[in-house]
Amino acid sequence: MKKNLKPIPKFKNEAEERRFWESHDSTEYVDWSQAKPARFPSLKPSTQAISLRLPASLLDEIKIEANKRDVPYQSLIKVWLAEKTGELSGIDNRSKSRRRA
């Protein structure tokens, strides 16, 4: 038996669409029984540049540790941040951070 689905509205921008889906159940608009898995092998997570002031001695220590591991120091910082946030939230982000680094 086919379910009567509501038409998905047209949105002016992503923000409007995001607000809509935050407050509506997608099962009223999409027949998920017909869904098929999708792969996006070239999709890369978005990144944002930030400015971070560190004491010179701390940055030197980080660079030494990165050199020991033969990785760029900024990549090591990202790995460490991902690991720590994973510990704090109870999620293991190590594999994700290695792919991003």
Protein backbone atom coordinates (compact mmCIF):
# COMPACT_ATOMS: atom_id res chain seq x y z
CA MET A 1 0.00 0.00 0.00
CA LYS A 2 1.45 3.33 -1.05
CA LYS A 3 1.51 6.09 1.48
CA ASN A 4 0.29 9.54 0.37
CA LEU A 5 3.31 11.79 0.66
CA LYS A 6 3.30 15.54 1.05
CA PRO A 7 5.20 17.48 -1.63
CA ILE A 8 8.56 18.84 -0.50
CA PRO A 9 8.37 22.65 -0.53
CA LYS A 10 10.76 24.82 -2.54
CA PHE A 11 13.30 26.60 -0.38
CA LYS A 12 14.96 29.96 -0.96
CA ASN A 13 18.25 28.84 0.61
CA GLU A 14 19.90 26.15 2.74
CA ALA A 15 19.12 27.94 5.99
CA GLU A 16 15.40 27.91 5.21
CA GLU A 17 15.57 24.22 4.27
CA ARG A 18 17.50 23.39 7.46
CA ARG A 19 14.87 25.12 9.60
CA PHE A 20 12.11 23.21 7.79
CA TRP A 21 13.67 19.77 8.32
CA GLU A 22 14.49 20.55 11.94
CA SER A 23 10.77 20.92 12.63
CA HIS A 24 9.23 18.35 10.23
CA ASP A 25 9.28 14.56 10.04
CA SER A 26 10.80 13.44 6.73
CA THR A 27 8.66 10.28 6.62
CA GLU A 28 5.70 12.50 5.68
CA TYR A 29 7.62 13.65 2.58
CA VAL A 30 9.88 10.74 1.57
CA ASP A 31 9.20 7.04 1.10
CA TRP A 32 12.27 5.71 2.87
CA SER A 33 11.39 2.11 1.95
CA GLN A 34 12.51 3.01 -1.60
CA ALA A 35 15.81 4.53 -0.44
CA LYS A 36 19.06 3.10 -1.76
CA PRO A 37 22.55 3.47 -0.25
CA ALA A 38 24.67 6.21 -1.78
CA ARG A 39 28.43 6.66 -1.74
CA PHE A 40 30.28 9.94 -2.06
CA PRO A 41 33.95 8.90 -2.30
CA SER A 42 35.25 12.35 -3.25
CA LEU A 43 33.34 14.25 -0.58
CA LYS A 44 35.71 16.03 1.79
CA PRO A 45 34.70 17.51 5.11
CA SER A 46 34.63 21.28 5.08
CA THR A 47 37.35 23.02 7.02
CA GLN A 48 37.69 26.50 8.38
CA ALA A 49 40.91 28.38 9.01
CA ILE A 50 41.33 29.80 12.49
CA SER A 51 43.94 31.90 14.20
CA LEU A 52 45.21 30.42 17.44
CA ARG A 53 47.77 32.09 19.65
CA LEU A 54 50.01 29.67 21.53
CA PRO A 55 53.00 30.27 23.72
CA ALA A 56 56.14 29.83 21.60
CA SER A 57 57.43 27.12 23.94
CA LEU A 58 54.21 25.09 23.55
CA LEU A 59 54.32 25.40 19.78
CA ASP A 60 57.97 24.28 19.82
CA GLU A 61 57.03 21.21 21.88
CA ILE A 62 54.20 20.38 19.46
CA LYS A 63 56.54 20.72 16.49
CA ILE A 64 59.07 18.40 18.16
CA GLU A 65 56.36 15.78 18.77
CA ALA A 66 55.13 16.12 15.19
CA ASN A 67 58.69 15.70 13.90
CA LYS A 68 59.09 12.51 15.96
CA ARG A 69 55.95 11.16 14.29
CA ASP A 70 56.95 12.50 10.86
CA VAL A 71 53.69 14.40 10.42
CA PRO A 72 52.94 18.11 9.94
CA TYR A 73 52.44 19.84 13.28
CA GLN A 74 49.03 21.24 12.28
CA SER A 75 47.84 17.72 11.45
CA LEU A 76 49.04 16.49 14.83
CA ILE A 77 47.14 19.29 16.56
CA LYS A 78 43.96 18.26 14.68
CA VAL A 79 44.45 14.62 15.70
CA TRP A 80 44.97 15.57 19.34
CA LEU A 81 41.94 17.87 19.36
CA ALA A 82 39.75 15.18 17.79
CA GLU A 83 40.95 12.58 20.29
CA LYS A 84 40.33 14.88 23.26
CA THR A 85 36.88 15.95 22.11
CA GLY A 86 36.08 12.28 21.50
CA GLU A 87 37.15 11.43 25.05
CA LEU A 88 35.02 14.23 26.44
CA SER A 89 31.95 13.27 24.42
CA GLY A 90 32.46 9.52 24.69
CA ILE A 91 32.97 9.12 20.92
CA ASP A 92 36.05 7.62 19.30
CA ASN A 93 37.09 10.24 16.70
CA ARG A 94 40.60 8.91 16.13
CA SER A 95 39.89 7.25 12.80
CA LYS A 96 38.04 10.33 11.53
CA SER A 97 40.83 12.70 12.55
CA ARG A 98 43.47 10.59 10.82
CA ARG A 99 41.55 10.74 7.56
CA ARG A 100 41.18 14.51 7.82
CA ALA A 101 44.72 15.22 8.93
